[in-house]
N, C-alpha and C. Protein backbone atom coordinates (compact mmCIF):
# COMPACT_ATOMS: atom_id res chain seq x y z
N MET A 1 25.80 -6.71 14.22
CA MET A 1 24.78 -5.71 14.47
C MET A 1 24.27 -5.91 15.90
N ASN A 2 24.36 -4.86 16.70
CA ASN A 2 23.94 -4.99 18.10
C ASN A 2 22.44 -4.69 18.23
N LYS A 3 21.92 -4.87 19.45
CA LYS A 3 20.48 -4.70 19.69
C LYS A 3 20.00 -3.29 19.37
N GLU A 4 20.80 -2.31 19.69
CA GLU A 4 20.40 -0.92 19.46
C GLU A 4 20.27 -0.64 17.96
N GLU A 5 21.20 -1.16 17.15
CA GLU A 5 21.14 -0.98 15.70
C GLU A 5 19.91 -1.70 15.13
N LYS A 6 19.64 -2.90 15.61
CA LYS A 6 18.47 -3.65 15.15
C LYS A 6 17.19 -2.91 15.50
N LYS A 7 17.14 -2.37 16.71
CA LYS A 7 15.97 -1.64 17.15
C LYS A 7 15.73 -0.42 16.26
N GLN A 8 16.79 0.28 15.91
CA GLN A 8 16.68 1.45 15.05
C GLN A 8 16.19 1.06 13.65
N ILE A 9 16.73 -0.04 13.12
CA ILE A 9 16.30 -0.50 11.79
C ILE A 9 14.82 -0.89 11.81
N VAL A 10 14.39 -1.58 12.88
CA VAL A 10 12.97 -1.96 13.00
C VAL A 10 12.09 -0.72 13.06
N GLU A 11 12.51 0.29 13.80
CA GLU A 11 11.73 1.54 13.89
C GLU A 11 11.63 2.22 12.53
N GLU A 12 12.74 2.29 11.81
CA GLU A 12 12.73 2.92 10.48
C GLU A 12 11.88 2.12 9.50
N LEU A 13 12.00 0.79 9.56
CA LEU A 13 11.22 -0.07 8.68
C LEU A 13 9.73 0.02 9.02
N THR A 14 9.41 0.07 10.30
CA THR A 14 8.02 0.22 10.73
C THR A 14 7.43 1.51 10.18
N GLU A 15 8.18 2.59 10.29
CA GLU A 15 7.72 3.88 9.79
C GLU A 15 7.51 3.83 8.28
N LYS A 16 8.46 3.23 7.58
CA LYS A 16 8.38 3.15 6.11
C LYS A 16 7.17 2.30 5.68
N LEU A 17 6.97 1.16 6.36
CA LEU A 17 5.84 0.29 6.02
C LEU A 17 4.50 0.95 6.33
N SER A 18 4.44 1.70 7.41
CA SER A 18 3.19 2.34 7.79
C SER A 18 2.83 3.49 6.85
N LYS A 19 3.82 4.07 6.19
CA LYS A 19 3.58 5.17 5.24
C LYS A 19 3.39 4.67 3.81
N THR A 20 3.61 3.38 3.60
CA THR A 20 3.55 2.81 2.27
C THR A 20 2.35 1.88 2.15
N ASP A 21 1.45 2.18 1.22
CA ASP A 21 0.27 1.34 1.03
C ASP A 21 0.60 0.03 0.32
N TYR A 22 1.64 0.05 -0.51
CA TYR A 22 1.94 -1.11 -1.34
C TYR A 22 3.41 -1.50 -1.16
N PHE A 23 3.62 -2.76 -0.79
CA PHE A 23 5.00 -3.26 -0.76
C PHE A 23 5.04 -4.71 -1.20
N TYR A 24 6.15 -5.05 -1.85
CA TYR A 24 6.37 -6.39 -2.37
C TYR A 24 7.61 -6.96 -1.70
N ILE A 25 7.53 -8.21 -1.24
CA ILE A 25 8.68 -8.89 -0.68
C ILE A 25 9.20 -9.84 -1.75
N THR A 26 10.48 -9.69 -2.08
CA THR A 26 11.06 -10.47 -3.18
C THR A 26 12.18 -11.37 -2.69
N ASP A 27 12.50 -12.35 -3.51
CA ASP A 27 13.62 -13.25 -3.25
C ASP A 27 14.66 -13.01 -4.34
N GLY A 28 15.79 -12.49 -3.95
CA GLY A 28 16.86 -12.21 -4.91
C GLY A 28 18.05 -13.13 -4.72
N SER A 29 17.84 -14.26 -4.03
CA SER A 29 18.96 -15.17 -3.82
C SER A 29 19.46 -15.69 -5.16
N GLY A 30 20.75 -15.80 -5.27
CA GLY A 30 21.35 -16.26 -6.51
C GLY A 30 21.67 -15.14 -7.48
N MET A 31 21.23 -13.94 -7.18
CA MET A 31 21.56 -12.81 -8.05
C MET A 31 22.96 -12.31 -7.71
N THR A 32 23.68 -11.87 -8.72
CA THR A 32 25.00 -11.31 -8.48
C THR A 32 24.85 -9.90 -7.94
N VAL A 33 25.93 -9.34 -7.45
CA VAL A 33 25.91 -7.97 -6.95
C VAL A 33 25.53 -7.02 -8.07
N ALA A 34 26.04 -7.26 -9.26
CA ALA A 34 25.73 -6.40 -10.41
C ALA A 34 24.24 -6.47 -10.75
N GLN A 35 23.66 -7.68 -10.73
CA GLN A 35 22.23 -7.83 -11.01
C GLN A 35 21.40 -7.13 -9.94
N THR A 36 21.80 -7.27 -8.68
CA THR A 36 21.07 -6.61 -7.60
C THR A 36 21.13 -5.10 -7.75
N ASN A 37 22.30 -4.59 -8.08
CA ASN A 37 22.45 -3.14 -8.29
C ASN A 37 21.62 -2.67 -9.49
N ASN A 38 21.59 -3.47 -10.55
CA ASN A 38 20.79 -3.12 -11.72
C ASN A 38 19.29 -3.11 -11.38
N PHE A 39 18.88 -4.08 -10.57
CA PHE A 39 17.48 -4.13 -10.17
C PHE A 39 17.14 -2.94 -9.27
N ARG A 40 18.03 -2.63 -8.36
CA ARG A 40 17.83 -1.47 -7.48
C ARG A 40 17.71 -0.19 -8.31
N ARG A 41 18.55 -0.07 -9.33
CA ARG A 41 18.53 1.10 -10.21
C ARG A 41 17.22 1.15 -11.00
N ALA A 42 16.75 -0.01 -11.48
CA ALA A 42 15.48 -0.05 -12.22
C ALA A 42 14.32 0.39 -11.33
N CYS A 43 14.36 -0.03 -10.08
CA CYS A 43 13.33 0.41 -9.12
C CYS A 43 13.41 1.91 -8.91
N PHE A 44 14.61 2.41 -8.69
CA PHE A 44 14.81 3.85 -8.45
C PHE A 44 14.32 4.68 -9.63
N ASN A 45 14.66 4.23 -10.86
CA ASN A 45 14.25 4.95 -12.06
C ASN A 45 12.73 4.97 -12.24
N SER A 46 12.04 4.02 -11.62
CA SER A 46 10.58 3.96 -11.69
C SER A 46 9.91 4.61 -10.49
N GLY A 47 10.69 5.23 -9.63
CA GLY A 47 10.12 5.90 -8.47
C GLY A 47 9.83 4.97 -7.30
N LEU A 48 10.47 3.80 -7.32
CA LEU A 48 10.28 2.82 -6.25
C LEU A 48 11.54 2.74 -5.41
N ASP A 49 11.39 2.19 -4.21
CA ASP A 49 12.53 2.02 -3.31
C ASP A 49 12.69 0.53 -3.04
N TYR A 50 13.91 0.01 -3.18
CA TYR A 50 14.18 -1.41 -2.94
C TYR A 50 15.28 -1.54 -1.91
N LYS A 51 15.01 -2.28 -0.84
CA LYS A 51 16.01 -2.50 0.19
C LYS A 51 15.94 -3.94 0.67
N VAL A 52 17.07 -4.43 1.12
CA VAL A 52 17.18 -5.79 1.64
C VAL A 52 17.22 -5.72 3.16
N PHE A 53 16.45 -6.60 3.81
CA PHE A 53 16.38 -6.64 5.27
C PHE A 53 16.44 -8.08 5.75
N LYS A 54 16.81 -8.25 7.01
CA LYS A 54 16.75 -9.56 7.64
C LYS A 54 15.30 -9.88 7.92
N ASN A 55 14.93 -11.14 7.71
CA ASN A 55 13.54 -11.56 7.91
C ASN A 55 13.03 -11.29 9.32
N SER A 56 13.88 -11.49 10.32
CA SER A 56 13.44 -11.26 11.70
C SER A 56 13.08 -9.79 11.92
N LEU A 57 13.79 -8.88 11.28
CA LEU A 57 13.49 -7.46 11.41
C LEU A 57 12.21 -7.11 10.67
N ILE A 58 11.98 -7.75 9.53
CA ILE A 58 10.74 -7.53 8.78
C ILE A 58 9.55 -8.00 9.62
N LYS A 59 9.67 -9.17 10.24
CA LYS A 59 8.59 -9.71 11.07
C LYS A 59 8.23 -8.75 12.20
N LYS A 60 9.25 -8.21 12.86
CA LYS A 60 9.00 -7.27 13.96
C LYS A 60 8.32 -6.01 13.45
N ALA A 61 8.78 -5.49 12.33
CA ALA A 61 8.20 -4.26 11.78
C ALA A 61 6.75 -4.50 11.35
N LEU A 62 6.47 -5.64 10.74
CA LEU A 62 5.10 -5.95 10.33
C LEU A 62 4.19 -6.08 11.55
N GLY A 63 4.72 -6.62 12.63
CA GLY A 63 3.96 -6.72 13.86
C GLY A 63 3.64 -5.37 14.46
N ASN A 64 4.49 -4.39 14.20
CA ASN A 64 4.30 -3.05 14.74
C ASN A 64 3.27 -2.22 13.98
N ILE A 65 3.03 -2.53 12.70
CA ILE A 65 2.14 -1.66 11.91
C ILE A 65 0.69 -2.11 11.98
N GLY A 66 0.41 -3.23 12.58
CA GLY A 66 -0.97 -3.71 12.61
C GLY A 66 -1.27 -4.49 11.35
N GLY A 67 -2.46 -4.96 11.25
CA GLY A 67 -2.81 -5.79 10.10
C GLY A 67 -2.43 -7.23 10.37
N ASP A 68 -3.01 -8.13 9.61
CA ASP A 68 -2.76 -9.55 9.80
C ASP A 68 -1.81 -10.05 8.72
N PHE A 69 -0.56 -10.24 9.09
CA PHE A 69 0.47 -10.72 8.16
C PHE A 69 0.90 -12.15 8.49
N THR A 70 0.05 -12.90 9.20
CA THR A 70 0.42 -14.27 9.57
C THR A 70 0.59 -15.15 8.34
N ALA A 71 -0.11 -14.85 7.26
CA ALA A 71 0.04 -15.64 6.04
C ALA A 71 1.47 -15.56 5.51
N PHE A 72 2.13 -14.42 5.73
CA PHE A 72 3.53 -14.30 5.30
C PHE A 72 4.41 -15.28 6.07
N GLN A 73 4.07 -15.54 7.31
CA GLN A 73 4.87 -16.46 8.12
C GLN A 73 4.50 -17.91 7.83
N THR A 74 3.21 -18.21 7.69
CA THR A 74 2.80 -19.59 7.45
C THR A 74 3.15 -20.06 6.04
N GLU A 75 3.18 -19.16 5.09
CA GLU A 75 3.51 -19.52 3.70
C GLU A 75 5.01 -19.37 3.41
N LYS A 76 5.79 -19.15 4.43
CA LYS A 76 7.25 -19.05 4.32
C LYS A 76 7.71 -17.91 3.41
N VAL A 77 6.96 -16.82 3.43
CA VAL A 77 7.37 -15.64 2.66
C VAL A 77 8.61 -15.04 3.29
N LEU A 78 8.67 -15.08 4.61
CA LEU A 78 9.79 -14.48 5.32
C LEU A 78 10.85 -15.54 5.65
N LYS A 79 11.29 -16.24 4.64
CA LYS A 79 12.38 -17.20 4.75
C LYS A 79 13.39 -16.88 3.66
N GLY A 80 14.64 -17.15 3.93
CA GLY A 80 15.67 -16.92 2.93
C GLY A 80 15.98 -15.44 2.72
N PHE A 81 16.45 -15.11 1.54
CA PHE A 81 16.85 -13.76 1.17
C PHE A 81 15.59 -12.93 0.90
N SER A 82 15.45 -11.79 1.57
CA SER A 82 14.25 -10.96 1.37
C SER A 82 14.61 -9.51 1.12
N GLY A 83 14.06 -9.00 0.04
CA GLY A 83 14.16 -7.58 -0.26
C GLY A 83 12.75 -7.02 -0.36
N ILE A 84 12.58 -5.77 -0.04
CA ILE A 84 11.25 -5.15 -0.09
C ILE A 84 11.26 -4.00 -1.10
N ILE A 85 10.25 -4.02 -1.96
CA ILE A 85 10.02 -2.91 -2.89
C ILE A 85 8.88 -2.09 -2.31
N PHE A 86 9.13 -0.81 -2.09
CA PHE A 86 8.13 0.09 -1.53
C PHE A 86 7.56 0.96 -2.65
N SER A 87 6.22 1.06 -2.70
CA SER A 87 5.57 1.91 -3.69
C SER A 87 4.49 2.74 -2.99
N THR A 88 4.59 4.05 -3.10
CA THR A 88 3.61 4.90 -2.44
C THR A 88 2.45 5.28 -3.35
N GLU A 89 2.64 5.20 -4.67
CA GLU A 89 1.60 5.70 -5.57
C GLU A 89 0.84 4.65 -6.34
N SER A 90 1.47 3.55 -6.71
CA SER A 90 0.80 2.59 -7.59
C SER A 90 1.00 1.17 -7.09
N ALA A 91 -0.09 0.41 -7.10
CA ALA A 91 -0.02 -0.97 -6.64
C ALA A 91 0.62 -1.89 -7.68
N ASN A 92 0.50 -1.54 -8.95
CA ASN A 92 0.99 -2.42 -10.00
C ASN A 92 2.40 -2.11 -10.49
N LYS A 93 2.92 -0.96 -10.13
CA LYS A 93 4.24 -0.56 -10.64
C LYS A 93 5.36 -1.52 -10.23
N PRO A 94 5.43 -1.99 -8.98
CA PRO A 94 6.49 -2.95 -8.63
C PRO A 94 6.41 -4.24 -9.46
N ALA A 95 5.20 -4.72 -9.71
CA ALA A 95 5.04 -5.94 -10.52
C ALA A 95 5.54 -5.71 -11.94
N LYS A 96 5.22 -4.54 -12.48
CA LYS A 96 5.66 -4.23 -13.85
C LYS A 96 7.18 -4.11 -13.91
N VAL A 97 7.79 -3.52 -12.88
CA VAL A 97 9.25 -3.39 -12.85
C VAL A 97 9.89 -4.78 -12.74
N LEU A 98 9.34 -5.65 -11.91
CA LEU A 98 9.87 -7.02 -11.78
C LEU A 98 9.81 -7.75 -13.12
N LEU A 99 8.67 -7.69 -13.78
CA LEU A 99 8.52 -8.38 -15.06
C LEU A 99 9.44 -7.81 -16.13
N GLU A 100 9.55 -6.48 -16.17
CA GLU A 100 10.43 -5.83 -17.15
C GLU A 100 11.89 -6.17 -16.90
N PHE A 101 12.30 -6.21 -15.62
CA PHE A 101 13.68 -6.54 -15.30
C PHE A 101 14.00 -7.97 -15.72
N ARG A 102 13.08 -8.88 -15.45
CA ARG A 102 13.28 -10.28 -15.86
C ARG A 102 13.39 -10.39 -17.39
N LYS A 103 12.53 -9.64 -18.08
CA LYS A 103 12.54 -9.68 -19.55
C LYS A 103 13.87 -9.18 -20.09
N LYS A 104 14.35 -8.06 -19.54
CA LYS A 104 15.63 -7.50 -19.99
C LYS A 104 16.80 -8.41 -19.63
N SER A 105 16.69 -9.12 -18.52
CA SER A 105 17.77 -10.00 -18.06
C SER A 105 17.75 -11.34 -18.80
N ASN A 106 16.71 -11.56 -19.61
CA ASN A 106 16.60 -12.78 -20.39
C ASN A 106 16.61 -14.03 -19.51
N GLN A 107 15.85 -14.00 -18.44
CA GLN A 107 15.81 -15.13 -17.51
C GLN A 107 14.62 -16.02 -17.86
N LYS A 108 14.90 -17.25 -18.23
CA LYS A 108 13.84 -18.19 -18.61
C LYS A 108 13.43 -19.06 -17.43
N GLU A 109 14.37 -19.80 -16.88
CA GLU A 109 14.06 -20.70 -15.77
C GLU A 109 14.43 -20.05 -14.44
N ASN A 110 13.55 -20.19 -13.48
CA ASN A 110 13.76 -19.68 -12.13
C ASN A 110 14.18 -18.21 -12.13
N PRO A 111 13.35 -17.35 -12.71
CA PRO A 111 13.72 -15.93 -12.82
C PRO A 111 13.85 -15.25 -11.46
N LYS A 112 14.81 -14.34 -11.38
CA LYS A 112 15.06 -13.60 -10.15
C LYS A 112 15.04 -12.11 -10.46
N PRO A 113 14.65 -11.28 -9.56
CA PRO A 113 14.06 -11.61 -8.27
C PRO A 113 12.64 -12.14 -8.45
N SER A 114 12.28 -13.06 -7.56
CA SER A 114 10.93 -13.63 -7.61
C SER A 114 10.08 -13.00 -6.53
N LEU A 115 8.80 -13.02 -6.75
CA LEU A 115 7.86 -12.45 -5.78
C LEU A 115 7.55 -13.50 -4.72
N LYS A 116 7.80 -13.15 -3.47
CA LYS A 116 7.44 -14.03 -2.36
C LYS A 116 6.08 -13.65 -1.80
N GLY A 117 5.81 -12.35 -1.73
CA GLY A 117 4.53 -11.89 -1.22
C GLY A 117 4.39 -10.40 -1.44
N ALA A 118 3.15 -9.94 -1.45
CA ALA A 118 2.88 -8.51 -1.62
C ALA A 118 1.71 -8.11 -0.73
N SER A 119 1.75 -6.88 -0.27
CA SER A 119 0.65 -6.31 0.49
C SER A 119 0.18 -5.05 -0.22
N LEU A 120 -1.08 -5.07 -0.63
CA LEU A 120 -1.68 -3.91 -1.27
C LEU A 120 -2.79 -3.43 -0.35
N SER A 121 -2.49 -2.42 0.43
CA SER A 121 -3.43 -1.90 1.43
C SER A 121 -3.94 -3.04 2.32
N PHE A 122 -3.02 -3.84 2.80
CA PHE A 122 -3.25 -4.96 3.72
C PHE A 122 -3.93 -6.17 3.07
N ASP A 123 -4.15 -6.16 1.76
CA ASP A 123 -4.58 -7.36 1.06
C ASP A 123 -3.32 -8.10 0.63
N LEU A 124 -3.22 -9.38 1.00
CA LEU A 124 -1.98 -10.13 0.77
C LEU A 124 -2.07 -10.99 -0.48
N PHE A 125 -0.99 -11.01 -1.22
CA PHE A 125 -0.82 -11.86 -2.39
C PHE A 125 0.46 -12.64 -2.18
N ILE A 126 0.39 -13.96 -2.31
CA ILE A 126 1.55 -14.79 -1.98
C ILE A 126 1.94 -15.63 -3.18
N GLY A 127 3.22 -15.61 -3.49
CA GLY A 127 3.77 -16.44 -4.54
C GLY A 127 4.02 -15.70 -5.84
N ASP A 128 4.99 -16.22 -6.57
CA ASP A 128 5.40 -15.61 -7.84
C ASP A 128 4.32 -15.71 -8.90
N LYS A 129 3.41 -16.67 -8.75
CA LYS A 129 2.32 -16.83 -9.72
C LYS A 129 1.36 -15.65 -9.71
N GLN A 130 1.37 -14.85 -8.67
CA GLN A 130 0.49 -13.70 -8.55
C GLN A 130 1.02 -12.48 -9.31
N LEU A 131 2.25 -12.56 -9.80
CA LEU A 131 2.89 -11.40 -10.41
C LEU A 131 2.14 -10.88 -11.64
N GLU A 132 1.69 -11.77 -12.52
CA GLU A 132 0.95 -11.34 -13.71
C GLU A 132 -0.34 -10.62 -13.32
N LEU A 133 -1.05 -11.17 -12.34
CA LEU A 133 -2.28 -10.55 -11.86
C LEU A 133 -2.00 -9.16 -11.30
N LEU A 134 -0.97 -9.06 -10.47
CA LEU A 134 -0.62 -7.79 -9.85
C LEU A 134 -0.23 -6.73 -10.89
N SER A 135 0.40 -7.16 -11.96
CA SER A 135 0.84 -6.19 -12.98
C SER A 135 -0.34 -5.62 -13.76
N THR A 136 -1.48 -6.31 -13.75
CA THR A 136 -2.64 -5.82 -14.51
C THR A 136 -3.62 -5.01 -13.65
N LEU A 137 -3.37 -4.93 -12.36
CA LEU A 137 -4.25 -4.15 -11.49
C LEU A 137 -4.22 -2.69 -11.90
N LYS A 138 -5.35 -2.04 -11.78
CA LYS A 138 -5.41 -0.63 -12.12
C LYS A 138 -5.18 0.20 -10.86
N SER A 139 -4.61 1.36 -11.07
CA SER A 139 -4.36 2.26 -9.95
C SER A 139 -5.67 2.91 -9.51
N LYS A 140 -5.64 3.51 -8.36
CA LYS A 140 -6.82 4.18 -7.82
C LYS A 140 -7.28 5.28 -8.76
N ASP A 141 -6.35 6.05 -9.29
CA ASP A 141 -6.70 7.13 -10.21
C ASP A 141 -7.35 6.60 -11.49
N GLU A 142 -6.84 5.48 -12.01
CA GLU A 142 -7.44 4.90 -13.20
C GLU A 142 -8.87 4.43 -12.93
N LEU A 143 -9.07 3.80 -11.77
CA LEU A 143 -10.42 3.34 -11.43
C LEU A 143 -11.39 4.50 -11.22
N VAL A 144 -10.94 5.56 -10.56
CA VAL A 144 -11.79 6.73 -10.37
C VAL A 144 -12.15 7.34 -11.72
N GLY A 145 -11.18 7.42 -12.62
CA GLY A 145 -11.43 7.95 -13.96
C GLY A 145 -12.46 7.13 -14.72
N GLU A 146 -12.38 5.80 -14.61
CA GLU A 146 -13.35 4.93 -15.28
C GLU A 146 -14.75 5.13 -14.71
N VAL A 147 -14.86 5.23 -13.38
CA VAL A 147 -16.17 5.43 -12.75
C VAL A 147 -16.77 6.77 -13.19
N ILE A 148 -15.96 7.81 -13.20
CA ILE A 148 -16.46 9.12 -13.65
C ILE A 148 -16.91 9.06 -15.11
N GLY A 149 -16.13 8.37 -15.93
CA GLY A 149 -16.51 8.20 -17.34
C GLY A 149 -17.83 7.46 -17.48
N LEU A 150 -18.02 6.41 -16.68
CA LEU A 150 -19.28 5.66 -16.73
C LEU A 150 -20.46 6.51 -16.26
N LEU A 151 -20.23 7.31 -15.24
CA LEU A 151 -21.30 8.16 -14.73
C LEU A 151 -21.67 9.27 -15.72
N GLN A 152 -20.70 9.75 -16.45
CA GLN A 152 -20.95 10.82 -17.41
C GLN A 152 -21.58 10.30 -18.71
N SER A 153 -21.39 9.05 -19.00
CA SER A 153 -21.83 8.47 -20.26
C SER A 153 -23.33 8.63 -20.52
N PRO A 154 -24.23 8.29 -19.60
CA PRO A 154 -25.66 8.45 -19.89
C PRO A 154 -26.05 9.91 -20.14
N ALA A 155 -25.48 10.81 -19.38
CA ALA A 155 -25.79 12.23 -19.56
C ALA A 155 -25.33 12.71 -20.93
N ARG A 156 -24.15 12.26 -21.35
CA ARG A 156 -23.64 12.63 -22.68
C ARG A 156 -24.56 12.11 -23.78
N ASN A 157 -25.04 10.89 -23.61
CA ASN A 157 -25.93 10.31 -24.63
C ASN A 157 -27.22 11.10 -24.76
N VAL A 158 -27.81 11.50 -23.65
CA VAL A 158 -29.05 12.28 -23.68
C VAL A 158 -28.80 13.63 -24.34
N ILE A 159 -27.73 14.29 -23.94
CA ILE A 159 -27.41 15.62 -24.49
C ILE A 159 -27.14 15.52 -25.99
N SER A 160 -26.37 14.53 -26.40
CA SER A 160 -26.07 14.41 -27.84
C SER A 160 -27.32 14.08 -28.63
N ALA A 161 -28.22 13.28 -28.06
CA ALA A 161 -29.47 12.97 -28.75
C ALA A 161 -30.32 14.21 -28.90
N LEU A 162 -30.35 15.02 -27.86
CA LEU A 162 -31.13 16.25 -27.92
C LEU A 162 -30.54 17.22 -28.92
N GLN A 163 -29.22 17.30 -28.98
CA GLN A 163 -28.56 18.24 -29.88
C GLN A 163 -28.64 17.77 -31.33
N SER A 164 -28.47 16.49 -31.56
CA SER A 164 -28.43 15.99 -32.94
C SER A 164 -29.80 16.08 -33.60
N GLY A 165 -30.82 15.82 -32.85
CA GLY A 165 -32.15 15.86 -33.46
C GLY A 165 -32.95 17.05 -32.94
N GLY A 166 -32.28 18.15 -32.69
CA GLY A 166 -32.94 19.33 -32.12
C GLY A 166 -34.15 19.77 -32.92
N GLY A 167 -34.02 19.87 -34.25
CA GLY A 167 -35.13 20.31 -35.10
C GLY A 167 -36.25 19.29 -35.11
N ILE A 168 -35.90 18.03 -35.19
CA ILE A 168 -36.89 16.96 -35.23
C ILE A 168 -37.64 16.90 -33.90
N LEU A 169 -36.89 16.99 -32.81
CA LEU A 169 -37.49 16.92 -31.49
C LEU A 169 -38.43 18.10 -31.25
N ALA A 170 -38.01 19.28 -31.67
CA ALA A 170 -38.87 20.46 -31.50
C ALA A 170 -40.15 20.29 -32.31
N GLY A 171 -40.04 19.75 -33.50
CA GLY A 171 -41.22 19.50 -34.34
C GLY A 171 -42.16 18.51 -33.70
N LEU A 172 -41.62 17.46 -33.12
CA LEU A 172 -42.45 16.46 -32.44
C LEU A 172 -43.17 17.06 -31.24
N VAL A 173 -42.45 17.84 -30.45
CA VAL A 173 -43.05 18.47 -29.28
C VAL A 173 -44.18 19.42 -29.72
N LYS A 174 -43.94 20.17 -30.77
CA LYS A 174 -44.96 21.10 -31.26
C LYS A 174 -46.19 20.35 -31.75
N THR A 175 -45.97 19.27 -32.50
CA THR A 175 -47.08 18.47 -33.01
C THR A 175 -47.87 17.86 -31.87
N LEU A 176 -47.18 17.32 -30.87
CA LEU A 176 -47.87 16.72 -29.74
C LEU A 176 -48.65 17.75 -28.93
N SER A 177 -48.10 18.94 -28.77
CA SER A 177 -48.80 19.96 -28.02
C SER A 177 -50.04 20.45 -28.76
N GLU A 178 -49.97 20.54 -30.10
CA GLU A 178 -51.12 20.95 -30.89
C GLU A 178 -52.19 19.87 -30.88
N ARG A 179 -51.79 18.64 -30.85
CA ARG A 179 -52.69 17.50 -30.86
C ARG A 179 -53.56 17.50 -29.59
N GLU A 180 -52.96 17.79 -28.46
CA GLU A 180 -53.68 17.76 -27.20
C GLU A 180 -54.69 18.88 -27.13
N GLU A 181 -54.47 19.99 -27.82
CA GLU A 181 -55.37 21.13 -27.78
C GLU A 181 -56.67 20.83 -28.50
N LYS A 182 -56.67 19.98 -29.48
CA LYS A 182 -57.86 19.71 -30.30
C LYS A 182 -58.87 18.93 -29.57
């Protein structure tokens, strides 16, 4: 690969990373070609994109998009075999796909692909131990829905109380108003 090809790959990767809020860097070393293809297919079927890049090209692209990714270098995330899963809509979907693929592959010890690091809107998660946590994160839409539900809850309670005891409440108001007149 000559300098011009590397430069083009870095530009494409920079563009892809800048348009993607969530990406996971994985280690697929030791996986067969068939396993890698199956994993790529599982990502595709879930609406994710998985590609393998040279670490030096990833470092250059990360440097181009801004943000502080030095932890990826100090924690050796960008060492060895590196593939990137890109997700534009959900932060937890790549983690769920990784866990599901491992489960289907029946991998007990040293499961592959393993999580080396993840960036969720520039928040970094490092190490395979973070995978369970990442899989339980809620999407932005889920969180917005919960907040709206919480905000609507008190209003619903007041309205239902007024509707359920409408006759009783009207009687109380009438009694209180007559009482004040005396």
